[in-house]
Amino acid sequence: MLALRARGIGSAWTTSHLLREREMGALLGIPENVTQVALLPVAYFTGVDFRPAERVPARERTYWNEWGRTDRSA
């Protein structure tokens, strides 16, 4: 998904189609013996504001040995 985004292509992980798994399988030509777990729709973005998302640095969200502890040296 990150590689797609870097190329101006949008994608989304979804499982909502599983409510109608058999119908979606038939529509998409997925064999009945294949277990569906997710669907990844992919499309070129047509808007004007496709830009990098604001993100908190991973080191501020990664915890070590207990919840909330960001310093792994202690």
N, C-alpha and C. Protein backbone atom coordinates (compact mmCIF):
# COMPACT_ATOMS: atom_id res chain seq x y z
N MET A 1 0.82 -1.17 0.00
CA MET A 1 0.00 0.00 0.00
C MET A 1 0.88 1.26 0.00
N LEU A 2 2.00 1.19 0.70
CA LEU A 2 2.91 2.34 0.71
C LEU A 2 3.53 2.56 -0.66
N ALA A 3 3.89 1.48 -1.33
CA ALA A 3 4.46 1.61 -2.67
C ALA A 3 3.44 2.21 -3.64
N LEU A 4 2.18 1.80 -3.51
CA LEU A 4 1.12 2.36 -4.36
C LEU A 4 0.99 3.86 -4.10
N ARG A 5 0.92 4.23 -2.84
CA ARG A 5 0.76 5.63 -2.47
C ARG A 5 1.90 6.49 -3.00
N ALA A 6 3.12 5.95 -2.94
CA ALA A 6 4.28 6.68 -3.45
C ALA A 6 4.17 6.95 -4.95
N ARG A 7 3.33 6.17 -5.63
CA ARG A 7 3.14 6.34 -7.07
C ARG A 7 1.82 7.05 -7.41
N GLY A 8 1.19 7.65 -6.40
CA GLY A 8 -0.04 8.39 -6.64
C GLY A 8 -1.26 7.52 -6.81
N ILE A 9 -1.19 6.30 -6.29
CA ILE A 9 -2.30 5.37 -6.41
C ILE A 9 -2.87 5.11 -5.02
N GLY A 10 -4.18 5.19 -4.88
CA GLY A 10 -4.82 4.97 -3.59
C GLY A 10 -5.24 3.53 -3.42
N SER A 11 -5.27 3.07 -2.18
CA SER A 11 -5.72 1.72 -1.87
C SER A 11 -6.32 1.70 -0.47
N ALA A 12 -7.09 0.66 -0.19
CA ALA A 12 -7.70 0.53 1.13
C ALA A 12 -7.89 -0.93 1.46
N TRP A 13 -7.50 -1.33 2.66
CA TRP A 13 -7.69 -2.70 3.14
C TRP A 13 -9.13 -2.78 3.63
N THR A 14 -9.88 -3.74 3.16
CA THR A 14 -11.27 -3.87 3.60
C THR A 14 -11.66 -5.34 3.76
N THR A 15 -12.57 -5.57 4.68
CA THR A 15 -13.13 -6.91 4.86
C THR A 15 -14.66 -6.88 4.74
N SER A 16 -15.21 -5.73 4.43
CA SER A 16 -16.67 -5.60 4.38
C SER A 16 -17.30 -6.50 3.32
N HIS A 17 -16.56 -6.84 2.30
CA HIS A 17 -17.10 -7.71 1.25
C HIS A 17 -17.36 -9.12 1.76
N LEU A 18 -16.78 -9.48 2.89
CA LEU A 18 -16.94 -10.84 3.41
C LEU A 18 -18.38 -11.14 3.83
N LEU A 19 -19.18 -10.11 4.03
CA LEU A 19 -20.60 -10.32 4.33
C LEU A 19 -21.30 -11.00 3.15
N ARG A 20 -20.72 -10.84 1.97
CA ARG A 20 -21.25 -11.46 0.75
C ARG A 20 -20.12 -12.16 0.00
N GLU A 21 -19.37 -12.97 0.74
CA GLU A 21 -18.17 -13.60 0.20
C GLU A 21 -18.43 -14.42 -1.06
N ARG A 22 -19.48 -15.22 -1.05
CA ARG A 22 -19.77 -16.07 -2.23
C ARG A 22 -20.08 -15.21 -3.46
N GLU A 23 -20.90 -14.18 -3.28
CA GLU A 23 -21.25 -13.31 -4.41
C GLU A 23 -20.02 -12.58 -4.93
N MET A 24 -19.17 -12.08 -4.03
CA MET A 24 -17.96 -11.38 -4.45
C MET A 24 -17.01 -12.33 -5.15
N GLY A 25 -16.90 -13.55 -4.63
CA GLY A 25 -16.05 -14.55 -5.27
C GLY A 25 -16.50 -14.84 -6.69
N ALA A 26 -17.81 -14.97 -6.88
CA ALA A 26 -18.35 -15.22 -8.22
C ALA A 26 -18.09 -14.03 -9.14
N LEU A 27 -18.29 -12.83 -8.62
CA LEU A 27 -18.08 -11.62 -9.41
C LEU A 27 -16.62 -11.47 -9.84
N LEU A 28 -15.71 -11.80 -8.93
CA LEU A 28 -14.28 -11.62 -9.20
C LEU A 28 -13.59 -12.86 -9.76
N GLY A 29 -14.34 -13.95 -9.89
CA GLY A 29 -13.76 -15.18 -10.43
C GLY A 29 -12.84 -15.90 -9.46
N ILE A 30 -13.09 -15.74 -8.16
CA ILE A 30 -12.29 -16.42 -7.14
C ILE A 30 -12.88 -17.81 -6.93
N PRO A 31 -12.06 -18.85 -7.03
CA PRO A 31 -12.57 -20.22 -6.85
C PRO A 31 -13.19 -20.41 -5.47
N GLU A 32 -14.19 -21.27 -5.37
CA GLU A 32 -14.91 -21.49 -4.11
C GLU A 32 -14.03 -22.12 -3.03
N ASN A 33 -12.95 -22.80 -3.42
CA ASN A 33 -12.08 -23.42 -2.43
C ASN A 33 -11.01 -22.46 -1.88
N VAL A 34 -11.09 -21.19 -2.26
CA VAL A 34 -10.16 -20.17 -1.76
C VAL A 34 -10.85 -19.38 -0.66
N THR A 35 -10.19 -19.26 0.48
CA THR A 35 -10.73 -18.49 1.59
C THR A 35 -10.34 -17.03 1.44
N GLN A 36 -11.33 -16.17 1.34
CA GLN A 36 -11.07 -14.75 1.24
C GLN A 36 -10.87 -14.17 2.65
N VAL A 37 -9.88 -13.31 2.79
CA VAL A 37 -9.66 -12.68 4.09
C VAL A 37 -9.66 -11.16 4.01
N ALA A 38 -9.43 -10.61 2.84
CA ALA A 38 -9.42 -9.16 2.67
C ALA A 38 -9.55 -8.83 1.19
N LEU A 39 -9.90 -7.61 0.92
CA LEU A 39 -9.99 -7.11 -0.44
C LEU A 39 -9.21 -5.80 -0.47
N LEU A 40 -8.40 -5.61 -1.48
CA LEU A 40 -7.58 -4.41 -1.58
C LEU A 40 -7.93 -3.66 -2.87
N PRO A 41 -8.94 -2.79 -2.81
CA PRO A 41 -9.27 -2.00 -3.99
C PRO A 41 -8.13 -1.02 -4.28
N VAL A 42 -7.80 -0.85 -5.56
CA VAL A 42 -6.70 0.00 -5.97
C VAL A 42 -7.19 0.90 -7.09
N ALA A 43 -6.86 2.20 -7.02
CA ALA A 43 -7.30 3.13 -8.06
C ALA A 43 -6.38 4.35 -8.09
N TYR A 44 -6.27 4.93 -9.26
CA TYR A 44 -5.53 6.19 -9.36
C TYR A 44 -6.33 7.28 -8.66
N PHE A 45 -5.65 8.14 -7.96
CA PHE A 45 -6.28 9.25 -7.25
C PHE A 45 -6.58 10.36 -8.25
N THR A 46 -7.78 10.91 -8.20
CA THR A 46 -8.17 11.94 -9.16
C THR A 46 -8.32 13.32 -8.53
N GLY A 47 -8.10 13.42 -7.23
CA GLY A 47 -8.24 14.72 -6.56
C GLY A 47 -7.00 15.58 -6.70
N VAL A 48 -6.97 16.67 -5.95
CA VAL A 48 -5.85 17.60 -6.03
C VAL A 48 -5.05 17.66 -4.73
N ASP A 49 -5.49 16.95 -3.69
CA ASP A 49 -4.81 17.08 -2.40
C ASP A 49 -4.18 15.77 -1.92
N PHE A 50 -3.75 14.94 -2.84
CA PHE A 50 -3.09 13.69 -2.47
C PHE A 50 -1.66 14.02 -2.09
N ARG A 51 -1.36 13.92 -0.81
CA ARG A 51 -0.03 14.28 -0.32
C ARG A 51 0.34 13.36 0.83
N PRO A 52 1.58 13.37 1.24
CA PRO A 52 1.97 12.52 2.36
C PRO A 52 1.12 12.80 3.59
N ALA A 53 0.71 11.74 4.26
CA ALA A 53 -0.09 11.88 5.48
C ALA A 53 0.80 12.36 6.62
N GLU A 54 0.24 13.15 7.52
CA GLU A 54 0.97 13.56 8.71
C GLU A 54 1.07 12.34 9.62
N ARG A 55 2.27 12.08 10.10
CA ARG A 55 2.49 10.90 10.92
C ARG A 55 3.31 11.26 12.16
N VAL A 56 2.98 10.61 13.25
CA VAL A 56 3.77 10.72 14.46
C VAL A 56 4.99 9.83 14.28
N PRO A 57 6.17 10.28 14.66
CA PRO A 57 7.35 9.41 14.52
C PRO A 57 7.15 8.07 15.22
N ALA A 58 7.58 6.99 14.59
CA ALA A 58 7.39 5.65 15.14
C ALA A 58 7.96 5.53 16.55
N ARG A 59 9.07 6.21 16.83
CA ARG A 59 9.69 6.10 18.15
C ARG A 59 8.78 6.64 19.25
N GLU A 60 7.80 7.47 18.88
CA GLU A 60 6.85 7.98 19.87
C GLU A 60 5.66 7.04 20.05
N ARG A 61 5.54 6.04 19.21
CA ARG A 61 4.42 5.10 19.27
C ARG A 61 4.86 3.66 19.54
N THR A 62 6.18 3.46 19.61
CA THR A 62 6.70 2.13 19.85
C THR A 62 7.04 1.99 21.33
N TYR A 63 6.44 1.02 21.99
CA TYR A 63 6.66 0.83 23.42
C TYR A 63 7.52 -0.38 23.68
N TRP A 64 8.32 -0.32 24.73
CA TRP A 64 9.27 -1.38 25.08
C TRP A 64 8.93 -1.97 26.44
N ASN A 65 8.62 -3.25 26.44
CA ASN A 65 8.40 -4.04 27.66
C ASN A 65 7.17 -3.67 28.47
N GLU A 66 6.62 -2.52 28.28
CA GLU A 66 5.37 -2.14 28.96
C GLU A 66 4.73 -0.97 28.23
N TRP A 67 3.43 -0.85 28.39
CA TRP A 67 2.68 0.20 27.70
C TRP A 67 3.16 1.58 28.10
N GLY A 68 3.44 2.43 27.12
CA GLY A 68 3.82 3.81 27.37
C GLY A 68 5.31 4.05 27.53
N ARG A 69 6.09 3.01 27.62
CA ARG A 69 7.54 3.17 27.83
C ARG A 69 8.23 3.23 26.48
N THR A 70 8.69 4.44 26.08
CA THR A 70 9.33 4.62 24.79
C THR A 70 10.84 4.52 24.84
N ASP A 71 11.42 4.52 26.04
CA ASP A 71 12.87 4.41 26.20
C ASP A 71 13.24 2.95 26.46
N ARG A 72 13.94 2.34 25.55
CA ARG A 72 14.25 0.92 25.70
C ARG A 72 15.53 0.67 26.49
N SER A 73 16.25 1.72 26.85
CA SER A 73 17.52 1.55 27.55
C SER A 73 17.34 1.27 29.05
N ALA A 74 16.18 1.59 29.60
CA ALA A 74 15.99 1.41 31.05
C ALA A 74 15.65 0.00 31.41
